[in-house]
């Protein structure tokens, strides 16, 4: 992951950006998968400046999930498995904002479309790493099981996909 084409920014590092008044700030909330298993906690909100909005939740992964998936990519590439390996200290992953559901009462984020085995197989990263667009494409491919998403896609219009529709609005007037 390189810094040359930085596409995503931590909300905290952008002056003038904050969680809008009518949205819920989920930082620090637990994240559960489709089977009600804890995946981790929301550490940061990731913004695309062109789209001018939060597009991903940066999740610090629960230790048990790392143990389940730490050797995910050790099989040889000749077997059709990815050649990369999650390394020590890589304990973050991203979830597209539109694939997350909030439970404001319990301060909980869930996803009904992704289970822990999928999360365990996702390439993780170290806190503070720059995430390039190729990484984003790989994550979407894995979460959706859609191999038609490939590197010929470009950033322009990418965040108009259903995976990035933010449903974190507050109810009525609070």
C-alpha atoms as a PDB file:
ATOM      1  CA  UNK A   1       0.000   0.000   0.000  1.00  0.00           C
ATOM      2  CA  UNK A   2       1.567   3.222  -1.132  1.00  0.00           C
ATOM      3  CA  UNK A   3       1.269   6.904  -0.316  1.00  0.00           C
ATOM      4  CA  UNK A   4       1.435   8.043  -3.951  1.00  0.00           C
ATOM      5  CA  UNK A   5      -2.287   7.951  -4.618  1.00  0.00           C
ATOM      6  CA  UNK A   6      -3.780   8.379  -1.173  1.00  0.00           C
ATOM      7  CA  UNK A   7      -7.480   8.007  -1.577  1.00  0.00           C
ATOM      8  CA  UNK A   8      -8.716   7.615   1.989  1.00  0.00           C
ATOM      9  CA  UNK A   9      -8.167   9.892   4.947  1.00  0.00           C
ATOM     10  CA  UNK A  10      -8.859   9.413   8.626  1.00  0.00           C
ATOM     11  CA  UNK A  11     -11.612  11.867   9.573  1.00  0.00           C
ATOM     12  CA  UNK A  12      -9.473  13.114  12.474  1.00  0.00           C
ATOM     13  CA  UNK A  13      -6.621  14.167  10.161  1.00  0.00           C
ATOM     14  CA  UNK A  14      -8.782  16.460   8.018  1.00  0.00           C
ATOM     15  CA  UNK A  15      -9.315  19.955   9.321  1.00  0.00           C
ATOM     16  CA  UNK A  16     -12.803  21.183   8.630  1.00  0.00           C
ATOM     17  CA  UNK A  17     -14.242  17.652   8.488  1.00  0.00           C
ATOM     18  CA  UNK A  18     -16.365  16.214  11.291  1.00  0.00           C
ATOM     19  CA  UNK A  19     -19.331  13.912  11.734  1.00  0.00           C
ATOM     20  CA  UNK A  20     -22.333  15.867  10.510  1.00  0.00           C
ATOM     21  CA  UNK A  21     -24.915  16.878  13.098  1.00  0.00           C
ATOM     22  CA  UNK A  22     -27.565  14.511  11.721  1.00  0.00           C
ATOM     23  CA  UNK A  23     -25.249  11.443  11.654  1.00  0.00           C
ATOM     24  CA  UNK A  24     -24.167   9.103  14.432  1.00  0.00           C
ATOM     25  CA  UNK A  25     -20.493   8.868  15.377  1.00  0.00           C
ATOM     26  CA  UNK A  26     -19.796   5.146  15.857  1.00  0.00           C
ATOM     27  CA  UNK A  27     -16.122   5.378  16.818  1.00  0.00           C
ATOM     28  CA  UNK A  28     -15.436   3.100  19.784  1.00  0.00           C
ATOM     29  CA  UNK A  29     -18.491   0.937  19.139  1.00  0.00           C
ATOM     30  CA  UNK A  30     -18.260  -2.876  18.926  1.00  0.00           C
ATOM     31  CA  UNK A  31     -18.688  -4.488  15.506  1.00  0.00           C
ATOM     32  CA  UNK A  32     -20.483  -7.828  15.072  1.00  0.00           C
ATOM     33  CA  UNK A  33     -20.792 -10.033  12.005  1.00  0.00           C
ATOM     34  CA  UNK A  34     -23.801 -11.724  10.404  1.00  0.00           C
ATOM     35  CA  UNK A  35     -23.590 -14.499  13.034  1.00  0.00           C
ATOM     36  CA  UNK A  36     -23.454 -12.084  15.997  1.00  0.00           C
ATOM     37  CA  UNK A  37     -19.729 -12.723  16.564  1.00  0.00           C
ATOM     38  CA  UNK A  38     -17.606  -9.783  17.712  1.00  0.00           C
ATOM     39  CA  UNK A  39     -15.236  -8.659  14.953  1.00  0.00           C
ATOM     40  CA  UNK A  40     -13.660  -5.706  16.772  1.00  0.00           C
ATOM     41  CA  UNK A  41     -14.237  -2.005  17.493  1.00  0.00           C
ATOM     42  CA  UNK A  42     -14.623   0.959  15.174  1.00  0.00           C
ATOM     43  CA  UNK A  43     -11.331   2.830  15.502  1.00  0.00           C
ATOM     44  CA  UNK A  44     -11.671   5.488  12.798  1.00  0.00           C
ATOM     45  CA  UNK A  45     -13.948   6.769  10.070  1.00  0.00           C
ATOM     46  CA  UNK A  46     -12.313   6.884   6.626  1.00  0.00           C
ATOM     47  CA  UNK A  47     -13.230   9.698   4.270  1.00  0.00           C
ATOM     48  CA  UNK A  48     -12.829  10.055   0.524  1.00  0.00           C
ATOM     49  CA  UNK A  49     -12.305  13.784  -0.082  1.00  0.00           C
ATOM     50  CA  UNK A  50     -13.663  13.675  -3.636  1.00  0.00           C
ATOM     51  CA  UNK A  51     -16.904  12.062  -2.451  1.00  0.00           C
ATOM     52  CA  UNK A  52     -16.762  14.374   0.611  1.00  0.00           C
ATOM     53  CA  UNK A  53     -18.045  11.744   2.979  1.00  0.00           C
ATOM     54  CA  UNK A  54     -17.221   8.787   5.167  1.00  0.00           C
ATOM     55  CA  UNK A  55     -16.955   5.666   3.017  1.00  0.00           C
ATOM     56  CA  UNK A  56     -15.430   3.070   5.398  1.00  0.00           C
ATOM     57  CA  UNK A  57     -15.286   2.112   9.030  1.00  0.00           C
ATOM     58  CA  UNK A  58     -11.714   1.331  10.127  1.00  0.00           C
ATOM     59  CA  UNK A  59     -12.097  -1.564  12.555  1.00  0.00           C
ATOM     60  CA  UNK A  60      -9.477  -2.686  15.049  1.00  0.00           C
ATOM     61  CA  UNK A  61      -9.866  -6.445  14.826  1.00  0.00           C
ATOM     62  CA  UNK A  62     -10.652  -8.595  17.862  1.00  0.00           C
ATOM     63  CA  UNK A  63      -7.726 -10.866  18.816  1.00  0.00           C
ATOM     64  CA  UNK A  64      -9.807 -14.055  18.380  1.00  0.00           C
ATOM     65  CA  UNK A  65     -10.502 -13.186  14.739  1.00  0.00           C
ATOM     66  CA  UNK A  66      -6.790 -12.647  14.095  1.00  0.00           C
ATOM     67  CA  UNK A  67      -6.037 -16.059  15.582  1.00  0.00           C
ATOM     68  CA  UNK A  68      -8.637 -17.634  13.270  1.00  0.00           C
ATOM     69  CA  UNK A  69      -7.261 -16.020  10.122  1.00  0.00           C
ATOM     70  CA  UNK A  70      -3.602 -15.271  10.694  1.00  0.00           C
ATOM     71  CA  UNK A  71      -2.348 -18.024   8.363  1.00  0.00           C
ATOM     72  CA  UNK A  72      -5.007 -17.452   5.735  1.00  0.00           C
ATOM     73  CA  UNK A  73      -2.618 -16.719   2.907  1.00  0.00           C
ATOM     74  CA  UNK A  74       0.195 -19.206   3.525  1.00  0.00           C
ATOM     75  CA  UNK A  75      -0.852 -21.654   0.800  1.00  0.00           C
ATOM     76  CA  UNK A  76       1.139 -21.328  -2.389  1.00  0.00           C
ATOM     77  CA  UNK A  77      -0.075 -19.101  -5.175  1.00  0.00           C
ATOM     78  CA  UNK A  78      -0.109 -22.132  -7.461  1.00  0.00           C
ATOM     79  CA  UNK A  79      -3.114 -23.409  -5.514  1.00  0.00           C
ATOM     80  CA  UNK A  80      -5.023 -20.293  -6.533  1.00  0.00           C
ATOM     81  CA  UNK A  81      -4.722 -18.628  -3.147  1.00  0.00           C
ATOM     82  CA  UNK A  82      -3.484 -15.069  -2.664  1.00  0.00           C
ATOM     83  CA  UNK A  83       0.268 -14.764  -2.172  1.00  0.00           C
ATOM     84  CA  UNK A  84       0.151 -12.176   0.627  1.00  0.00           C
ATOM     85  CA  UNK A  85       0.127 -12.942   4.337  1.00  0.00           C
ATOM     86  CA  UNK A  86      -1.260 -10.989   7.258  1.00  0.00           C
ATOM     87  CA  UNK A  87       1.765 -10.026   9.323  1.00  0.00           C
ATOM     88  CA  UNK A  88       2.318  -9.270  12.993  1.00  0.00           C
ATOM     89  CA  UNK A  89       0.724  -5.947  13.907  1.00  0.00           C
ATOM     90  CA  UNK A  90      -1.741  -5.966  11.015  1.00  0.00           C
ATOM     91  CA  UNK A  91      -4.876  -5.769  13.104  1.00  0.00           C
ATOM     92  CA  UNK A  92      -7.172  -3.417  11.187  1.00  0.00           C
ATOM     93  CA  UNK A  93      -9.669  -3.925   8.374  1.00  0.00           C
ATOM     94  CA  UNK A  94     -12.237  -1.758   6.653  1.00  0.00           C
ATOM     95  CA  UNK A  95     -15.975  -2.170   6.210  1.00  0.00           C
ATOM     96  CA  UNK A  96     -17.839  -0.132   3.586  1.00  0.00           C
ATOM     97  CA  UNK A  97     -20.252   2.175   5.397  1.00  0.00           C
ATOM     98  CA  UNK A  98     -23.254   0.824   3.445  1.00  0.00           C
ATOM     99  CA  UNK A  99     -22.573  -2.744   4.599  1.00  0.00           C
ATOM    100  CA  UNK A 100     -22.893  -1.730   8.255  1.00  0.00           C
ATOM    101  CA  UNK A 101     -26.040  -1.321  10.336  1.00  0.00           C
ATOM    102  CA  UNK A 102     -26.146   0.653  13.553  1.00  0.00           C
ATOM    103  CA  UNK A 103     -27.897  -0.216  16.775  1.00  0.00           C
ATOM    104  CA  UNK A 104     -27.839   3.165  18.474  1.00  0.00           C
ATOM    105  CA  UNK A 105     -29.478   1.910  21.668  1.00  0.00           C
ATOM    106  CA  UNK A 106     -26.748  -0.700  22.272  1.00  0.00           C
ATOM    107  CA  UNK A 107     -23.926   1.317  20.631  1.00  0.00           C
ATOM    108  CA  UNK A 108     -23.256  -1.542  18.255  1.00  0.00           C
ATOM    109  CA  UNK A 109     -22.416  -1.839  14.560  1.00  0.00           C
ATOM    110  CA  UNK A 110     -23.415  -5.039  12.757  1.00  0.00           C
ATOM    111  CA  UNK A 111     -23.249  -6.397   9.268  1.00  0.00           C
ATOM    112  CA  UNK A 112     -25.786  -8.916   8.057  1.00  0.00           C
ATOM    113  CA  UNK A 113     -23.883  -9.622   4.823  1.00  0.00           C
ATOM    114  CA  UNK A 114     -20.408 -10.559   6.099  1.00  0.00           C
ATOM    115  CA  UNK A 115     -19.520 -13.375   8.505  1.00  0.00           C
ATOM    116  CA  UNK A 116     -16.435 -13.885  10.662  1.00  0.00           C
ATOM    117  CA  UNK A 117     -14.835 -16.400   8.278  1.00  0.00           C
ATOM    118  CA  UNK A 118     -14.857 -13.758   5.528  1.00  0.00           C
ATOM    119  CA  UNK A 119     -13.470 -11.151   7.922  1.00  0.00           C
ATOM    120  CA  UNK A 120     -10.743 -13.588   9.012  1.00  0.00           C
ATOM    121  CA  UNK A 121      -9.625 -14.021   5.388  1.00  0.00           C
ATOM    122  CA  UNK A 122      -9.468 -10.314   4.519  1.00  0.00           C
ATOM    123  CA  UNK A 123      -6.018  -8.780   4.145  1.00  0.00           C
ATOM    124  CA  UNK A 124      -5.517  -6.617   7.214  1.00  0.00           C
ATOM    125  CA  UNK A 125      -3.285  -3.579   7.670  1.00  0.00           C
ATOM    126  CA  UNK A 126      -1.442  -1.729  10.428  1.00  0.00           C
ATOM    127  CA  UNK A 127      -3.035   1.305  12.038  1.00  0.00           C
ATOM    128  CA  UNK A 128      -1.931   4.374  10.110  1.00  0.00           C
ATOM    129  CA  UNK A 129      -1.072   2.525   6.870  1.00  0.00           C
ATOM    130  CA  UNK A 130      -2.055   4.270   3.650  1.00  0.00           C
ATOM    131  CA  UNK A 131      -4.720   2.237   1.870  1.00  0.00           C
ATOM    132  CA  UNK A 132      -4.514   2.330  -1.901  1.00  0.00           C
ATOM    133  CA  UNK A 133      -7.401   1.851  -4.297  1.00  0.00           C
ATOM    134  CA  UNK A 134      -6.224  -1.666  -5.216  1.00  0.00           C
ATOM    135  CA  UNK A 135      -6.676  -2.666  -1.565  1.00  0.00           C
ATOM    136  CA  UNK A 136     -10.204  -1.243  -1.580  1.00  0.00           C
ATOM    137  CA  UNK A 137     -11.075  -3.225  -4.716  1.00  0.00           C
ATOM    138  CA  UNK A 138      -9.782  -6.422  -3.108  1.00  0.00           C
ATOM    139  CA  UNK A 139     -11.871  -5.855   0.004  1.00  0.00           C
ATOM    140  CA  UNK A 140     -15.058  -5.233  -1.992  1.00  0.00           C
ATOM    141  CA  UNK A 141     -14.354  -8.318  -4.130  1.00  0.00           C
ATOM    142  CA  UNK A 142     -14.026 -10.471  -1.019  1.00  0.00           C
ATOM    143  CA  UNK A 143     -17.009  -9.059   0.868  1.00  0.00           C
ATOM    144  CA  UNK A 144     -19.318  -9.284  -2.137  1.00  0.00           C
ATOM    145  CA  UNK A 145     -17.863 -12.463  -3.656  1.00  0.00           C
ATOM    146  CA  UNK A 146     -17.761 -10.535  -6.932  1.00  0.00           C
ATOM    147  CA  UNK A 147     -14.753 -11.220  -9.160  1.00  0.00           C
ATOM    148  CA  UNK A 148     -16.053  -8.796 -11.794  1.00  0.00           C
ATOM    149  CA  UNK A 149     -14.709  -5.891  -9.735  1.00  0.00           C
ATOM    150  CA  UNK A 150     -11.182  -5.438 -11.029  1.00  0.00           C
ATOM    151  CA  UNK A 151      -8.408  -2.883 -11.264  1.00  0.00           C
ATOM    152  CA  UNK A 152      -9.840  -1.283 -14.401  1.00  0.00           C
ATOM    153  CA  UNK A 153     -12.425   0.289 -12.096  1.00  0.00           C
ATOM    154  CA  UNK A 154     -11.420   3.796 -11.091  1.00  0.00           C
ATOM    155  CA  UNK A 155     -12.121   6.020  -8.126  1.00  0.00           C
ATOM    156  CA  UNK A 156     -14.510   8.340  -9.963  1.00  0.00           C
ATOM    157  CA  UNK A 157     -18.043   7.115  -9.275  1.00  0.00           C
ATOM    158  CA  UNK A 158     -16.806   4.129  -7.228  1.00  0.00           C
ATOM    159  CA  UNK A 159     -18.377   5.461  -4.014  1.00  0.00           C
ATOM    160  CA  UNK A 160     -21.787   5.725  -5.683  1.00  0.00           C
ATOM    161  CA  UNK A 161     -22.108   1.936  -5.243  1.00  0.00           C
ATOM    162  CA  UNK A 162     -24.686   0.590  -2.766  1.00  0.00           C
ATOM    163  CA  UNK A 163     -21.851  -0.513  -0.452  1.00  0.00           C
ATOM    164  CA  UNK A 164     -21.171   3.146   0.344  1.00  0.00           C
ATOM    165  CA  UNK A 165     -24.668   4.461   1.043  1.00  0.00           C
ATOM    166  CA  UNK A 166     -24.499   5.843   4.561  1.00  0.00           C
ATOM    167  CA  UNK A 167     -27.451   4.852   6.728  1.00  0.00           C
ATOM    168  CA  UNK A 168     -26.069   6.311   9.950  1.00  0.00           C
ATOM    169  CA  UNK A 169     -28.663   9.097  10.159  1.00  0.00           C
ATOM    170  CA  UNK A 170     -30.090   9.987  13.552  1.00  0.00           C
ATOM    171  CA  UNK A 171     -33.767   9.344  13.960  1.00  0.00           C
ATOM    172  CA  UNK A 172     -36.085  12.360  13.819  1.00  0.00           C
ATOM    173  CA  UNK A 173     -34.699  15.362  15.712  1.00  0.00           C
ATOM    174  CA  UNK A 174     -32.303  14.665  18.538  1.00  0.00           C
END
